[in-house]
Protein backbone atom coordinates (compact mmCIF):
# COMPACT_ATOMS: atom_id res chain seq x y z
CA SER A 1 118.03 99.96 114.64
CA ARG A 2 118.67 103.63 114.03
CA ILE A 3 117.29 106.21 111.60
CA VAL A 4 119.76 108.56 109.91
CA TRP A 5 118.62 111.60 107.95
CA HIS A 6 120.21 114.13 105.61
CA ARG A 7 119.60 117.52 107.21
CA GLN A 8 121.07 119.61 104.37
CA PHE A 9 118.73 117.98 101.86
CA GLY A 10 115.70 118.78 104.03
CA GLU A 11 116.81 122.40 104.42
CA ASN A 12 117.24 122.72 100.64
CA ILE A 13 113.75 121.31 100.00
CA LEU A 14 112.19 123.80 102.42
CA ARG A 15 114.10 126.71 100.85
CA GLU A 16 113.45 125.79 97.21
CA HIS A 17 109.95 124.33 97.29
CA GLY A 18 108.43 125.73 100.46
CA LYS A 19 110.08 129.17 100.37
CA ILE A 20 110.84 128.68 104.09
CA ASP A 21 114.06 129.77 105.78
CA PRO A 22 115.08 126.76 107.92
CA ASP A 23 116.88 129.09 110.36
CA SER A 24 113.53 130.73 111.20
CA LEU A 25 111.98 127.47 112.39
CA PRO A 26 111.60 126.96 116.16
CA ARG A 27 112.02 123.17 115.80
CA LEU A 28 113.73 120.71 113.44
CA ASP A 29 110.55 118.71 112.70
CA PRO A 30 109.85 120.24 109.25
CA ILE A 31 113.47 119.72 108.20
CA TYR A 32 113.41 116.13 109.45
CA PHE A 33 110.16 115.27 107.63
CA ALA A 34 111.40 116.85 104.36
CA SER A 35 114.69 114.91 104.49
CA HIS A 36 115.72 111.61 102.97
CA LYS A 37 116.03 108.97 105.67
CA ALA A 38 117.56 105.53 106.01
CA LYS A 39 117.02 102.95 108.73
CA ILE A 40 120.14 101.07 109.78
CA HIS A 41 119.75 97.72 111.52
CA LEU A 42 122.21 95.85 113.66
CA VAL A 43 124.18 93.34 111.60
CA VAL A 44 123.25 89.79 112.52
CA PRO A 45 125.44 86.86 111.45
CA GLU A 46 123.78 84.24 109.25
CA GLU A 47 123.88 81.51 111.91
CA LYS A 48 121.60 83.69 114.06
CA TYR A 49 118.78 83.91 111.48
CA VAL A 50 118.95 80.73 109.39
CA ALA A 51 117.13 77.62 110.55
CA ILE A 52 116.70 74.25 108.87
CA GLN A 53 113.77 72.05 109.81
CA ASP A 54 112.71 68.74 108.27
CA TYR A 55 109.12 67.54 108.53
CA LEU A 56 107.79 64.16 107.47
CA ASP A 57 104.01 63.85 107.30
CA GLU A 58 103.43 60.12 107.48
CA SER A 59 99.70 60.24 106.70
CA PRO A 60 99.18 59.38 103.00
CA LEU A 61 97.95 62.13 100.74
CA GLU A 62 94.61 61.47 99.10
CA LYS A 63 94.43 64.76 97.23
CA GLU A 64 96.40 67.95 96.74
CA CYS A 65 96.92 69.85 100.00
CA ALA A 66 98.76 72.89 101.26
CA TYR A 67 101.37 73.28 103.96
CA ARG A 68 102.38 76.57 105.52
CA VAL A 69 105.46 77.54 107.49
CA ARG A 70 105.08 79.88 110.45
CA VAL A 71 108.06 81.19 112.43
CA THR A 72 108.11 83.01 115.75
CA GLN A 73 111.40 84.64 116.70
CA ARG A 74 112.71 84.96 120.25
CA ASN A 75 111.76 88.65 120.25
CA GLY A 76 108.14 87.79 119.38
CA GLN A 77 108.21 88.87 115.73
CA MET A 78 106.54 86.46 113.33
CA ALA A 79 106.82 85.43 109.68
CA TRP A 80 104.90 82.92 107.58
CA SER A 81 105.03 81.48 104.11
CA SER A 82 102.51 81.38 101.33
CA PRO A 83 100.87 77.98 100.89
CA ILE A 84 103.21 75.23 99.67
CA TRP A 85 101.05 72.93 97.54
CA VAL A 86 101.84 69.22 97.54
CA SER A 87 100.26 66.57 95.29
CA PRO A 88 100.21 62.81 95.85
CA SER A 89 102.78 61.09 93.68
């Protein structure tokens, strides 16, 4: 991923609101932090992030219970669902 920022916007904010001349700054940090930013991620095709998994719990349900889904990606990042409540039919 990559962060892109709008330098001109940051310079304008410093001039108008901070009364600071951006050209007098020894570093770009104040301009960067005053700027709008966007994070751009690598495009990943759907077949790389969609998974389908079936699960059959063969033990009979006696009362309402909750299932959760937890996913670990190849890069180590994790995601999990809220409880999925199931009642006996």
